[in-house]
């Protein structure tokens, strides 16, 4: 897990924002699948929510000047 966070921190801000949009789009589609009764999507939703929070944390840190 630590390696993935380090990799995210090395990623440029533009790429993180692009990935943020991709995750939001994917979450929208997964929520529809979940509403239709597909129980396999629950794990994917959890993973994406976690990644979304990590990206938002990194972006907020950069905005505050805490993180480069």
C-alpha atoms as a PDB file:
ATOM      1  CA  UNK A   1       0.000   0.000   0.000  1.00  0.00           C
ATOM      2  CA  UNK A   2       2.836   2.358   0.807  1.00  0.00           C
ATOM      3  CA  UNK A   3       4.235   1.992  -2.698  1.00  0.00           C
ATOM      4  CA  UNK A   4       0.928   2.987  -4.254  1.00  0.00           C
ATOM      5  CA  UNK A   5       0.756   6.151  -2.148  1.00  0.00           C
ATOM      6  CA  UNK A   6       4.329   7.068  -3.035  1.00  0.00           C
ATOM      7  CA  UNK A   7       3.492   6.542  -6.687  1.00  0.00           C
ATOM      8  CA  UNK A   8       0.423   8.787  -6.352  1.00  0.00           C
ATOM      9  CA  UNK A   9       2.465  11.507  -4.674  1.00  0.00           C
ATOM     10  CA  UNK A  10       4.921  11.484  -7.573  1.00  0.00           C
ATOM     11  CA  UNK A  11       2.090  11.903 -10.080  1.00  0.00           C
ATOM     12  CA  UNK A  12       1.450  15.393 -11.424  1.00  0.00           C
ATOM     13  CA  UNK A  13      -1.522  17.403 -10.240  1.00  0.00           C
ATOM     14  CA  UNK A  14      -3.128  17.357 -13.700  1.00  0.00           C
ATOM     15  CA  UNK A  15      -2.969  13.572 -13.842  1.00  0.00           C
ATOM     16  CA  UNK A  16      -4.445  13.277 -10.347  1.00  0.00           C
ATOM     17  CA  UNK A  17      -7.339  15.537 -11.323  1.00  0.00           C
ATOM     18  CA  UNK A  18      -7.903  13.434 -14.438  1.00  0.00           C
ATOM     19  CA  UNK A  19      -7.899  10.231 -12.348  1.00  0.00           C
ATOM     20  CA  UNK A  20     -10.309  11.876  -9.895  1.00  0.00           C
ATOM     21  CA  UNK A  21     -12.782  12.486 -12.724  1.00  0.00           C
ATOM     22  CA  UNK A  22     -12.377   8.908 -13.971  1.00  0.00           C
ATOM     23  CA  UNK A  23     -13.102   7.495 -10.524  1.00  0.00           C
ATOM     24  CA  UNK A  24     -16.188   9.653 -10.092  1.00  0.00           C
ATOM     25  CA  UNK A  25     -17.517   8.487 -13.462  1.00  0.00           C
ATOM     26  CA  UNK A  26     -16.797   4.870 -12.580  1.00  0.00           C
ATOM     27  CA  UNK A  27     -18.477   5.219  -9.181  1.00  0.00           C
ATOM     28  CA  UNK A  28     -21.574   6.583 -10.888  1.00  0.00           C
ATOM     29  CA  UNK A  29     -21.757   3.506 -13.118  1.00  0.00           C
ATOM     30  CA  UNK A  30     -21.017   1.100 -10.256  1.00  0.00           C
ATOM     31  CA  UNK A  31     -23.792   2.613  -8.146  1.00  0.00           C
ATOM     32  CA  UNK A  32     -26.234   1.858 -10.960  1.00  0.00           C
ATOM     33  CA  UNK A  33     -24.997  -1.733 -11.112  1.00  0.00           C
ATOM     34  CA  UNK A  34     -25.380  -2.028  -7.353  1.00  0.00           C
ATOM     35  CA  UNK A  35     -28.935  -0.702  -7.565  1.00  0.00           C
ATOM     36  CA  UNK A  36     -29.701  -3.383 -10.141  1.00  0.00           C
ATOM     37  CA  UNK A  37     -28.597  -6.058  -7.691  1.00  0.00           C
ATOM     38  CA  UNK A  38     -25.005  -6.786  -8.670  1.00  0.00           C
ATOM     39  CA  UNK A  39     -23.329  -7.554  -5.348  1.00  0.00           C
ATOM     40  CA  UNK A  40     -19.835  -7.919  -6.837  1.00  0.00           C
ATOM     41  CA  UNK A  41     -19.562  -4.169  -7.281  1.00  0.00           C
ATOM     42  CA  UNK A  42     -19.551  -3.405  -3.546  1.00  0.00           C
ATOM     43  CA  UNK A  43     -15.849  -4.269  -3.184  1.00  0.00           C
ATOM     44  CA  UNK A  44     -14.976  -2.159  -6.222  1.00  0.00           C
ATOM     45  CA  UNK A  45     -16.918   0.787  -4.830  1.00  0.00           C
ATOM     46  CA  UNK A  46     -14.998   0.539  -1.547  1.00  0.00           C
ATOM     47  CA  UNK A  47     -11.627   0.451  -3.324  1.00  0.00           C
ATOM     48  CA  UNK A  48     -12.528   3.436  -5.467  1.00  0.00           C
ATOM     49  CA  UNK A  49     -13.815   5.434  -2.499  1.00  0.00           C
ATOM     50  CA  UNK A  50     -10.505   4.828  -0.750  1.00  0.00           C
ATOM     51  CA  UNK A  51      -8.486   5.854  -3.801  1.00  0.00           C
ATOM     52  CA  UNK A  52     -10.690   8.928  -4.232  1.00  0.00           C
ATOM     53  CA  UNK A  53     -10.017   9.983  -0.638  1.00  0.00           C
ATOM     54  CA  UNK A  54      -6.273   9.454  -1.077  1.00  0.00           C
ATOM     55  CA  UNK A  55      -6.194  11.585  -4.221  1.00  0.00           C
ATOM     56  CA  UNK A  56      -8.248  14.338  -2.595  1.00  0.00           C
ATOM     57  CA  UNK A  57      -5.910  14.321   0.408  1.00  0.00           C
ATOM     58  CA  UNK A  58      -2.836  14.658  -1.804  1.00  0.00           C
ATOM     59  CA  UNK A  59      -4.427  17.457  -3.847  1.00  0.00           C
ATOM     60  CA  UNK A  60      -5.493  19.317  -0.689  1.00  0.00           C
ATOM     61  CA  UNK A  61      -1.996  18.987   0.735  1.00  0.00           C
ATOM     62  CA  UNK A  62      -0.548  20.462  -2.434  1.00  0.00           C
ATOM     63  CA  UNK A  63      -3.052  23.316  -2.376  1.00  0.00           C
ATOM     64  CA  UNK A  64      -2.046  24.175   1.190  1.00  0.00           C
ATOM     65  CA  UNK A  65       1.638  23.887   0.358  1.00  0.00           C
ATOM     66  CA  UNK A  66       2.192  21.001   2.754  1.00  0.00           C
ATOM     67  CA  UNK A  67       3.062  18.575  -0.010  1.00  0.00           C
ATOM     68  CA  UNK A  68       4.913  19.138  -3.271  1.00  0.00           C
END
